C-alpha atoms as a PDB file:
ATOM      1  CA  MET A   1      47.990-274.348  82.268  1.00  0.00           C
ATOM      2  CA  PHE A   2      47.237-273.408  85.562  1.00  0.00           C
ATOM      3  CA  THR A   3      45.424-276.468  87.739  1.00  0.00           C
ATOM      4  CA  ILE A   4      44.171-275.406  90.855  1.00  0.00           C
ATOM      5  CA  GLY A   5      43.246-277.779  93.582  1.00  0.00           C
ATOM      6  CA  VAL A   6      40.173-276.070  95.576  1.00  0.00           C
ATOM      7  CA  THR A   7      38.877-276.829  98.977  1.00  0.00           C
ATOM      8  CA  GLN A   8      35.315-277.899  99.292  1.00  0.00           C
ATOM      9  CA  LYS A   9      34.256-274.416 101.005  1.00  0.00           C
ATOM     10  CA  LEU A  10      35.711-272.552  97.823  1.00  0.00           C
ATOM     11  CA  GLN A  11      33.991-274.900  95.833  1.00  0.00           C
ATOM     12  CA  LYS A  12      30.765-274.503  97.010  1.00  0.00           C
ATOM     13  CA  GLU A  13      31.234-270.662  96.630  1.00  0.00           C
ATOM     14  CA  LEU A  14      32.285-270.662  93.536  1.00  0.00           C
ATOM     15  CA  MET A  15      29.347-273.341  92.666  1.00  0.00           C
ATOM     16  CA  LEU A  16      31.894-276.045  90.648  1.00  0.00           C
ATOM     17  CA  ASP A  17      31.505-279.619  90.532  1.00  0.00           C
ATOM     18  CA  LEU A  18      35.019-280.632  90.602  1.00  0.00           C
ATOM     19  CA  SER A  19      36.825-283.770  89.183  1.00  0.00           C
ATOM     20  CA  SER A  20      39.545-285.477  90.892  1.00  0.00           C
ATOM     21  CA  TYR A  21      43.292-284.068  90.676  1.00  0.00           C
ATOM     22  CA  GLU A  22      44.589-287.389  88.703  1.00  0.00           C
ATOM     23  CA  GLU A  23      41.805-286.850  86.011  1.00  0.00           C
ATOM     24  CA  LYS A  24      42.776-283.009  84.956  1.00  0.00           C
ATOM     25  CA  ALA A  25      46.540-282.483  85.931  1.00  0.00           C
ATOM     26  CA  GLN A  26      48.276-284.683  83.526  1.00  0.00           C
ATOM     27  CA  GLY A  27      50.928-282.908  81.900  1.00  0.00           C
ATOM     28  CA  THR A  28      50.227-279.466  83.741  1.00  0.00           C
ATOM     29  CA  ALA A  29      52.956-277.168  84.007  1.00  0.00           C
ATOM     30  CA  GLU A  30      51.507-275.058  86.884  1.00  0.00           C
ATOM     31  CA  ILE A  31      49.986-276.606  89.896  1.00  0.00           C
ATOM     32  CA  TRP A  32      48.465-274.231  92.545  1.00  0.00           C
ATOM     33  CA  HIS A  33      45.866-274.595  95.813  1.00  0.00           C
ATOM     34  CA  MET A  34      43.388-272.445  96.756  1.00  0.00           C
ATOM     35  CA  ASN A  35      41.339-271.690  99.752  1.00  0.00           C
ATOM     36  CA  LEU A  36      38.411-269.334 101.131  1.00  0.00           C
ATOM     37  CA  PHE A  37      38.410-267.500 104.362  1.00  0.00           C
ATOM     38  CA  LYS A  38      36.596-264.758 105.921  1.00  0.00           C
ATOM     39  CA  ILE A  39      37.549-262.094 108.326  1.00  0.00           C
ATOM     40  CA  GLY A  40      34.740-260.170 110.091  1.00  0.00           C
ATOM     41  CA  ARG A  41      32.078-259.862 106.886  1.00  0.00           C
ATOM     42  CA  TYR A  42      34.610-259.890 104.589  1.00  0.00           C
ATOM     43  CA  LYS A  43      35.678-262.804 101.867  1.00  0.00           C
ATOM     44  CA  GLY A  44      39.115-263.580 100.992  1.00  0.00           C
ATOM     45  CA  ILE A  45      41.037-266.432  98.913  1.00  0.00           C
ATOM     46  CA  ALA A  46      44.537-267.250  99.562  1.00  0.00           C
ATOM     47  CA  LEU A  47      46.182-269.056  96.708  1.00  0.00           C
ATOM     48  CA  ALA A  48      49.708-270.828  97.132  1.00  0.00           C
ATOM     49  CA  HIS A  49      52.138-272.249  94.123  1.00  0.00           C
ATOM     50  CA  ASP A  50      52.506-276.278  95.212  1.00  0.00           C
ATOM     51  CA  LYS A  51      56.337-276.252  94.180  1.00  0.00           C
ATOM     52  CA  THR A  52      57.549-272.693  95.649  1.00  0.00           C
ATOM     53  CA  LEU A  53      54.347-271.766  97.917  1.00  0.00           C
ATOM     54  CA  TYR A  54      54.432-268.415  96.528  1.00  0.00           C
ATOM     55  CA  SER A  55      51.408-267.000  97.390  1.00  0.00           C
ATOM     56  CA  LEU A  56      48.514-264.351  96.473  1.00  0.00           C
ATOM     57  CA  VAL A  57      46.062-263.220  99.045  1.00  0.00           C
ATOM     58  CA  LYS A  58      42.631-261.163  97.865  1.00  0.00           C
ATOM     59  CA  ILE A  59      40.380-259.995 100.386  1.00  0.00           C
ATOM     60  CA  GLY A  60      37.042-258.148 100.051  1.00  0.00           C
ATOM     61  CA  LEU A  61      35.862-260.605  97.515  1.00  0.00           C
ATOM     62  CA  LYS A  62      32.026-260.305  96.385  1.00  0.00           C
ATOM     63  CA  LYS A  63      29.844-262.660  94.715  1.00  0.00           C
ATOM     64  CA  LYS A  64      30.532-261.015  91.048  1.00  0.00           C
ATOM     65  CA  ASP A  65      34.165-261.437  92.151  1.00  0.00           C
ATOM     66  CA  PHE A  66      33.836-265.080  92.099  1.00  0.00           C
ATOM     67  CA  MET A  67      32.005-265.707  89.076  1.00  0.00           C
ATOM     68  CA  ASN A  68      35.054-264.117  87.290  1.00  0.00           C
ATOM     69  CA  ILE A  69      37.705-265.750  89.976  1.00  0.00           C
ATOM     70  CA  GLY A  70      40.295-266.695  87.152  1.00  0.00           C
ATOM     71  CA  GLU A  71      40.744-263.003  85.623  1.00  0.00           C
ATOM     72  CA  ILE A  72      41.271-261.940  89.379  1.00  0.00           C
ATOM     73  CA  ILE A  73      43.868-264.678  90.143  1.00  0.00           C
ATOM     74  CA  ARG A  74      45.283-263.931  86.812  1.00  0.00           C
ATOM     75  CA  ASN A  75      45.720-260.062  87.725  1.00  0.00           C
ATOM     76  CA  GLY A  76      46.622-260.427  91.326  1.00  0.00           C
ATOM     77  CA  LEU A  77      49.510-262.824  90.635  1.00  0.00           C
ATOM     78  CA  GLU A  78      50.859-260.402  87.997  1.00  0.00           C
ATOM     79  CA  GLU A  79      50.632-257.294  90.282  1.00  0.00           C
ATOM     80  CA  ASN A  80      52.076-259.216  92.985  1.00  0.00           C
ATOM     81  CA  MET A  81      54.713-260.507  90.741  1.00  0.00           C
ATOM     82  CA  LYS A  82      55.759-256.826  89.775  1.00  0.00           C
ATOM     83  CA  VAL A  83      55.573-255.436  93.040  1.00  0.00           C
ATOM     84  CA  ASP A  84      57.937-258.124  94.289  1.00  0.00           C
ATOM     85  CA  GLY A  85      60.499-257.054  91.261  1.00  0.00           C
ATOM     86  CA  PHE A  86      60.373-259.965  89.200  1.00  0.00           C
ATOM     87  CA  GLU A  87      61.244-259.271  85.706  1.00  0.00           C
ATOM     88  CA  LYS A  88      58.964-258.462  83.024  1.00  0.00           C
ATOM     89  CA  GLU A  89      59.942-261.186  80.759  1.00  0.00           C
ATOM     90  CA  ALA A  90      59.819-264.050  83.349  1.00  0.00           C
ATOM     91  CA  ILE A  91      56.464-262.835  84.314  1.00  0.00           C
ATOM     92  CA  ASN A  92      55.053-262.711  80.978  1.00  0.00           C
ATOM     93  CA  SER A  93      56.527-266.299  80.242  1.00  0.00           C
ATOM     94  CA  PHE A  94      55.194-267.702  83.336  1.00  0.00           C
ATOM     95  CA  MET A  95      51.691-266.028  82.858  1.00  0.00           C
ATOM     96  CA  GLN A  96      51.750-267.709  79.128  1.00  0.00           C
ATOM     97  CA  LYS A  97      53.076-270.826  80.520  1.00  0.00           C
ATOM     98  CA  GLY A  98      50.007-271.040  83.087  1.00  0.00           C
ATOM     99  CA  GLY A  99      47.310-270.590  79.754  1.00  0.00           C
ATOM    100  CA  GLU A 100      43.961-271.320  80.931  1.00  0.00           C
ATOM    101  CA  MET A 101      42.830-272.093  84.784  1.00  0.00           C
ATOM    102  CA  GLU A 102      41.546-275.573  85.596  1.00  0.00           C
ATOM    103  CA  PHE A 103      39.937-276.092  88.998  1.00  0.00           C
ATOM    104  CA  THR A 104      40.278-279.716  90.758  1.00  0.00           C
ATOM    105  CA  LYS A 105      39.732-281.460  93.680  1.00  0.00           C
ATOM    106  CA  THR A 106      42.692-280.858  96.306  1.00  0.00           C
ATOM    107  CA  HIS A 107      45.340-283.394  96.346  1.00  0.00           C
ATOM    108  CA  ASP A 108      48.196-282.249  98.476  1.00  0.00           C
ATOM    109  CA  ARG A 109      47.677-281.778 102.208  1.00  0.00           C
ATOM    110  CA  SER A 110      50.901-280.140 102.986  1.00  0.00           C
ATOM    111  CA  THR A 111      50.377-277.151 100.485  1.00  0.00           C
ATOM    112  CA  ILE A 112      46.493-277.346 102.432  1.00  0.00           C
ATOM    113  CA  GLY A 113      48.649-276.847 105.579  1.00  0.00           C
ATOM    114  CA  CYS A 114      50.867-274.103 104.203  1.00  0.00           C
ATOM    115  CA  LEU A 115      47.918-272.133 103.087  1.00  0.00           C
ATOM    116  CA  ASN A 116      46.133-272.400 106.542  1.00  0.00           C
ATOM    117  CA  GLU A 117      49.316-270.812 108.097  1.00  0.00           C
ATOM    118  CA  ILE A 118      48.925-268.004 105.728  1.00  0.00           C
ATOM    119  CA  ILE A 119      45.563-267.631 106.032  1.00  0.00           C
ATOM    120  CA  TYR A 120      46.443-267.489 110.049  1.00  0.00           C
ATOM    121  CA  ASN A 121      48.887-264.674 109.350  1.00  0.00           C
ATOM    122  CA  VAL A 122      46.475-262.672 107.572  1.00  0.00           C
ATOM    123  CA  GLU A 123      43.530-262.992 110.187  1.00  0.00           C
ATOM    124  CA  HIS A 124      46.068-262.331 113.018  1.00  0.00           C
ATOM    125  CA  PHE A 125      47.133-259.115 110.875  1.00  0.00           C
ATOM    126  CA  PHE A 126      43.538-258.097 110.768  1.00  0.00           C
ATOM    127  CA  GLN A 127      42.622-258.819 114.151  1.00  0.00           C
ATOM    128  CA  THR A 128      39.040-256.860 113.026  1.00  0.00           C
ATOM    129  CA  GLY A 129      37.325-256.276 109.634  1.00  0.00           C
ATOM    130  CA  GLN A 130      37.315-252.652 110.003  1.00  0.00           C
ATOM    131  CA  ILE A 131      40.772-251.983 109.230  1.00  0.00           C
ATOM    132  CA  LEU A 132      40.290-254.068 105.892  1.00  0.00           C
ATOM    133  CA  LEU A 133      39.251-250.906 103.922  1.00  0.00           C
ATOM    134  CA  ASN A 134      42.634-249.121 103.780  1.00  0.00           C
ATOM    135  CA  PHE A 135      44.314-252.877 103.469  1.00  0.00           C
ATOM    136  CA  SER A 136      47.320-253.051 101.447  1.00  0.00           C
ATOM    137  CA  SER A 137      47.281-256.258  99.714  1.00  0.00           C
ATOM    138  CA  GLU A 138      50.828-255.904  98.253  1.00  0.00           C
ATOM    139  CA  GLU A 139      52.266-255.352 101.910  1.00  0.00           C
ATOM    140  CA  MET A 140      50.171-258.742 102.919  1.00  0.00           C
ATOM    141  CA  ASN A 141      51.535-260.733 100.095  1.00  0.00           C
ATOM    142  CA  HIS A 142      54.698-259.302 100.582  1.00  0.00           C
ATOM    143  CA  PHE A 143      55.176-260.584 104.175  1.00  0.00           C
ATOM    144  CA  ASN A 144      53.717-263.798 103.192  1.00  0.00           C
ATOM    145  CA  ASN A 145      56.043-264.368 100.645  1.00  0.00           C
ATOM    146  CA  ARG A 146      59.113-263.813 102.764  1.00  0.00           C
ATOM    147  CA  PHE A 147      57.806-266.281 105.546  1.00  0.00           C
ATOM    148  CA  ILE A 148      59.713-269.512 106.027  1.00  0.00           C
ATOM    149  CA  PHE A 149      58.132-272.875 105.276  1.00  0.00           C
ATOM    150  CA  MET A 150      59.047-276.277 106.599  1.00  0.00           C
ATOM    151  CA  LYS A 151      58.220-277.806 103.656  1.00  0.00           C
ATOM    152  CA  LEU A 152      60.533-275.632 101.635  1.00  0.00           C
ATOM    153  CA  LYS A 153      63.409-274.897 103.869  1.00  0.00           C
ATOM    154  CA  GLY A 154      63.276-271.433 102.375  1.00  0.00           C
ATOM    155  CA  TYR A 155      61.541-268.525 101.270  1.00  0.00           C
ATOM    156  CA  PRO A 156      58.627-268.488  98.470  1.00  0.00           C
ATOM    157  CA  PHE A 157      60.167-265.504  97.140  1.00  0.00           C
ATOM    158  CA  ASP A 158      63.656-267.047  96.959  1.00  0.00           C
ATOM    159  CA  LYS A 159      62.035-270.375  95.565  1.00  0.00           C
ATOM    160  CA  MET A 160      59.868-268.604  92.691  1.00  0.00           C
ATOM    161  CA  LYS A 161      62.484-266.823  91.757  1.00  0.00           C
ATOM    162  CA  GLU A 162      64.614-269.854  90.988  1.00  0.00           C
ATOM    163  CA  TYR A 163      62.122-271.574  89.739  1.00  0.00           C
ATOM    164  CA  LEU A 164      61.293-268.583  87.087  1.00  0.00           C
ATOM    165  CA  ASN A 165      65.384-268.453  86.250  1.00  0.00           C
ATOM    166  CA  ARG A 166      64.991-272.418  85.446  1.00  0.00           C
ATOM    167  CA  GLY A 167      62.265-271.303  82.970  1.00  0.00           C
END
């Protein structure tokens, strides 16, 4: 199961009434954090895996997209991992292990700090909302997953690769 800690801003956007992390995360295999941000008039989400900080950024989401956020996350992660060159079997195994998605309140301030750093990178990569129409999410995610974080002392891409190889 994917357990996703959602910030208060995103909780309002998704119209969720969330329980605390401790109530839902018992025995959860995959724990993530997700935050909402805005560039110009475009809304986006940033999602990061707690153990590896492997991230996914999606920009240009509309109200209907937030109603179907689970599918957007699942498809985005799968596509992101394919573009990053992960083996198909490893991707399928990881996605199956994730199973369904459950949303909780956030619980790890250091992961939220890393998410904010990812959002900062995205905001400065796109200083105006005008060029977002020609945005390559693969390029932005590729950059973010090869950015060193002090929490990891390494690259999220490499940590996720190790994590998937451990199975």
